[in-house]
Amino acid sequence: MRKHQLDLFSLIAGGLFTAIAVLYLVAAVNDVSVNGRIVIPVTFIVLGLGGLAGAVAAAVRRSRPEDRGPDRGVS
């Protein structure tokens, strides 16, 4: 099985949405309300930073010369 490259944005977005789900779950169990005026902007900020990190990582990966072995394929 060939190893795939890390998709940084998807990893950050998945972690963020998991953290938000856990936050709301814990708040519901403890009868506490979550302030959406904080959660929504933080979500957009983290997604923006994740997109930026993913774009920078992809640009660095593209500019780095790598040897193409027989198991790497042609791209």
N, C-alpha and C. Protein backbone atom coordinates (compact mmCIF):
# COMPACT_ATOMS: atom_id res chain seq x y z
N MET A 1 0.84 -1.17 0.00
CA MET A 1 0.00 0.00 0.00
C MET A 1 0.89 1.24 0.00
N ARG A 2 0.58 2.15 -0.90
CA ARG A 2 1.38 3.35 -1.03
C ARG A 2 1.02 4.38 0.04
N LYS A 3 2.02 5.03 0.57
CA LYS A 3 1.82 6.04 1.60
C LYS A 3 1.34 7.34 0.95
N HIS A 4 0.28 7.93 1.49
CA HIS A 4 -0.22 9.19 0.94
C HIS A 4 0.33 10.37 1.72
N GLN A 5 0.27 11.54 1.11
CA GLN A 5 0.77 12.74 1.76
C GLN A 5 -0.27 13.27 2.75
N LEU A 6 0.21 13.91 3.77
CA LEU A 6 -0.63 14.46 4.82
C LEU A 6 -1.41 15.66 4.30
N ASP A 7 -2.73 15.66 4.49
CA ASP A 7 -3.56 16.80 4.15
C ASP A 7 -3.78 17.60 5.43
N LEU A 8 -2.98 18.63 5.61
CA LEU A 8 -2.96 19.38 6.86
C LEU A 8 -4.29 20.08 7.14
N PHE A 9 -4.91 20.65 6.11
CA PHE A 9 -6.18 21.35 6.32
C PHE A 9 -7.26 20.39 6.81
N SER A 10 -7.35 19.23 6.20
CA SER A 10 -8.37 18.26 6.62
C SER A 10 -8.13 17.78 8.05
N LEU A 11 -6.89 17.61 8.41
CA LEU A 11 -6.56 17.20 9.77
C LEU A 11 -6.97 18.28 10.78
N ILE A 12 -6.66 19.52 10.48
CA ILE A 12 -7.02 20.62 11.38
C ILE A 12 -8.53 20.79 11.46
N ALA A 13 -9.22 20.74 10.32
CA ALA A 13 -10.67 20.90 10.30
C ALA A 13 -11.35 19.76 11.06
N GLY A 14 -10.90 18.55 10.87
CA GLY A 14 -11.47 17.42 11.59
C GLY A 14 -11.26 17.52 13.09
N GLY A 15 -10.08 17.94 13.49
CA GLY A 15 -9.81 18.13 14.92
C GLY A 15 -10.66 19.25 15.51
N LEU A 16 -10.83 20.33 14.75
CA LEU A 16 -11.64 21.45 15.21
C LEU A 16 -13.10 21.04 15.40
N PHE A 17 -13.69 20.38 14.41
CA PHE A 17 -15.09 19.98 14.52
C PHE A 17 -15.30 18.92 15.60
N THR A 18 -14.31 18.08 15.80
CA THR A 18 -14.40 17.13 16.91
C THR A 18 -14.36 17.86 18.24
N ALA A 19 -13.48 18.85 18.37
CA ALA A 19 -13.40 19.62 19.61
C ALA A 19 -14.70 20.39 19.87
N ILE A 20 -15.30 20.95 18.83
CA ILE A 20 -16.57 21.66 19.00
C ILE A 20 -17.67 20.70 19.43
N ALA A 21 -17.71 19.52 18.83
CA ALA A 21 -18.72 18.53 19.21
C ALA A 21 -18.55 18.11 20.67
N VAL A 22 -17.32 17.89 21.09
CA VAL A 22 -17.06 17.52 22.49
C VAL A 22 -17.44 18.67 23.42
N LEU A 23 -17.14 19.91 23.02
CA LEU A 23 -17.51 21.07 23.82
C LEU A 23 -19.02 21.13 24.04
N TYR A 24 -19.79 20.97 22.97
CA TYR A 24 -21.25 21.02 23.09
C TYR A 24 -21.78 19.81 23.86
N LEU A 25 -21.17 18.66 23.70
CA LEU A 25 -21.59 17.47 24.45
C LEU A 25 -21.36 17.65 25.94
N VAL A 26 -20.20 18.14 26.31
CA VAL A 26 -19.89 18.36 27.73
C VAL A 26 -20.79 19.45 28.30
N ALA A 27 -21.05 20.49 27.52
CA ALA A 27 -21.93 21.56 27.99
C ALA A 27 -23.36 21.05 28.19
N ALA A 28 -23.83 20.18 27.32
CA ALA A 28 -25.18 19.65 27.45
C ALA A 28 -25.30 18.74 28.67
N VAL A 29 -24.27 17.97 28.94
CA VAL A 29 -24.30 17.06 30.09
C VAL A 29 -24.28 17.85 31.39
N ASN A 30 -23.57 18.96 31.42
CA ASN A 30 -23.42 19.76 32.64
C ASN A 30 -24.43 20.91 32.74
N ASP A 31 -25.42 20.96 31.85
CA ASP A 31 -26.43 22.02 31.83
C ASP A 31 -25.81 23.41 31.78
N VAL A 32 -24.83 23.57 30.91
CA VAL A 32 -24.17 24.86 30.71
C VAL A 32 -24.41 25.26 29.26
N SER A 33 -24.58 26.55 29.00
CA SER A 33 -24.76 26.99 27.62
C SER A 33 -23.42 27.42 27.03
N VAL A 34 -23.27 27.18 25.74
CA VAL A 34 -22.05 27.57 25.02
C VAL A 34 -22.37 28.86 24.27
N ASN A 35 -21.49 29.84 24.40
CA ASN A 35 -21.69 31.13 23.75
C ASN A 35 -21.27 31.03 22.28
N GLY A 36 -22.25 31.05 21.38
CA GLY A 36 -21.97 30.97 19.96
C GLY A 36 -21.24 32.19 19.41
N ARG A 37 -21.31 33.30 20.15
CA ARG A 37 -20.61 34.50 19.71
C ARG A 37 -19.10 34.33 19.81
N ILE A 38 -18.66 33.32 20.52
CA ILE A 38 -17.23 33.02 20.62
C ILE A 38 -16.87 31.84 19.71
N VAL A 39 -17.72 30.83 19.70
CA VAL A 39 -17.41 29.59 18.97
C VAL A 39 -17.34 29.82 17.46
N ILE A 40 -18.28 30.56 16.90
CA ILE A 40 -18.33 30.74 15.45
C ILE A 40 -17.12 31.52 14.93
N PRO A 41 -16.76 32.68 15.51
CA PRO A 41 -15.55 33.36 15.00
C PRO A 41 -14.27 32.56 15.19
N VAL A 42 -14.16 31.86 16.31
CA VAL A 42 -12.97 31.02 16.53
C VAL A 42 -12.90 29.92 15.48
N THR A 43 -14.05 29.37 15.12
CA THR A 43 -14.10 28.33 14.09
C THR A 43 -13.57 28.88 12.76
N PHE A 44 -14.04 30.06 12.37
CA PHE A 44 -13.58 30.65 11.11
C PHE A 44 -12.09 30.99 11.16
N ILE A 45 -11.62 31.47 12.28
CA ILE A 45 -10.19 31.80 12.42
C ILE A 45 -9.34 30.55 12.29
N VAL A 46 -9.73 29.48 12.98
CA VAL A 46 -8.95 28.24 12.92
C VAL A 46 -9.00 27.62 11.52
N LEU A 47 -10.16 27.66 10.86
CA LEU A 47 -10.24 27.15 9.49
C LEU A 47 -9.38 27.97 8.54
N GLY A 48 -9.35 29.29 8.72
CA GLY A 48 -8.49 30.14 7.90
C GLY A 48 -7.02 29.85 8.11
N LEU A 49 -6.63 29.69 9.37
CA LEU A 49 -5.23 29.35 9.66
C LEU A 49 -4.88 27.96 9.14
N GLY A 50 -5.84 27.03 9.23
CA GLY A 50 -5.61 25.69 8.69
C GLY A 50 -5.44 25.70 7.18
N GLY A 51 -6.25 26.50 6.50
CA GLY A 51 -6.11 26.64 5.05
C GLY A 51 -4.78 27.25 4.67
N LEU A 52 -4.37 28.25 5.43
CA LEU A 52 -3.07 28.88 5.18
C LEU A 52 -1.93 27.89 5.42
N ALA A 53 -2.00 27.14 6.51
CA ALA A 53 -0.97 26.14 6.81
C ALA A 53 -0.93 25.05 5.74
N GLY A 54 -2.11 24.63 5.28
CA GLY A 54 -2.16 23.62 4.23
C GLY A 54 -1.58 24.12 2.92
N ALA A 55 -1.86 25.38 2.58
CA ALA A 55 -1.32 25.96 1.34
C ALA A 55 0.19 26.10 1.41
N VAL A 56 0.70 26.55 2.55
CA VAL A 56 2.15 26.69 2.71
C VAL A 56 2.83 25.32 2.65
N ALA A 57 2.25 24.33 3.31
CA ALA A 57 2.83 22.99 3.29
C ALA A 57 2.83 22.42 1.88
N ALA A 58 1.77 22.65 1.11
CA ALA A 58 1.71 22.16 -0.26
C ALA A 58 2.74 22.87 -1.15
N ALA A 59 2.92 24.17 -0.94
CA ALA A 59 3.91 24.91 -1.73
C ALA A 59 5.32 24.44 -1.42
N VAL A 60 5.60 24.19 -0.16
CA VAL A 60 6.93 23.69 0.22
C VAL A 60 7.14 22.30 -0.36
N ARG A 61 6.11 21.47 -0.30
CA ARG A 61 6.21 20.10 -0.83
C ARG A 61 6.46 20.12 -2.33
N ARG A 62 5.80 21.05 -3.06
CA ARG A 62 5.96 21.14 -4.50
C ARG A 62 7.34 21.65 -4.89
N SER A 63 7.91 22.55 -4.10
CA SER A 63 9.20 23.15 -4.46
C SER A 63 10.38 22.27 -4.09
N ARG A 64 10.15 21.28 -3.24
CA ARG A 64 11.23 20.40 -2.78
C ARG A 64 11.50 19.33 -3.84
N PRO A 65 12.75 19.20 -4.28
CA PRO A 65 13.05 18.12 -5.23
C PRO A 65 13.06 16.78 -4.50
N GLU A 66 12.40 15.82 -5.09
CA GLU A 66 12.38 14.49 -4.49
C GLU A 66 12.73 13.45 -5.54
N ASP A 67 13.36 12.41 -5.13
CA ASP A 67 13.72 11.39 -6.11
C ASP A 67 12.49 10.54 -6.42
N ARG A 68 12.34 10.21 -7.64
CA ARG A 68 11.20 9.40 -8.09
C ARG A 68 11.64 7.96 -8.23
N GLY A 69 11.34 7.18 -7.23
CA GLY A 69 11.68 5.77 -7.28
C GLY A 69 10.62 4.98 -8.01
N PRO A 70 10.79 3.67 -8.14
CA PRO A 70 9.81 2.87 -8.87
C PRO A 70 8.45 2.81 -8.18
N ASP A 71 8.39 2.98 -6.87
CA ASP A 71 7.11 2.92 -6.18
C ASP A 71 6.45 4.29 -6.03
N ARG A 72 7.07 5.35 -6.52
CA ARG A 72 6.53 6.69 -6.37
C ARG A 72 5.54 7.06 -7.48
N GLY A 73 5.68 6.51 -8.64
CA GLY A 73 4.82 6.88 -9.75
C GLY A 73 5.31 8.15 -10.41
N VAL A 74 4.67 8.51 -11.48
CA VAL A 74 5.04 9.70 -12.23
C VAL A 74 3.97 10.75 -12.03
N SER A 75 4.38 11.95 -11.61
CA SER A 75 3.41 13.05 -11.50
C SER A 75 4.04 14.38 -11.78
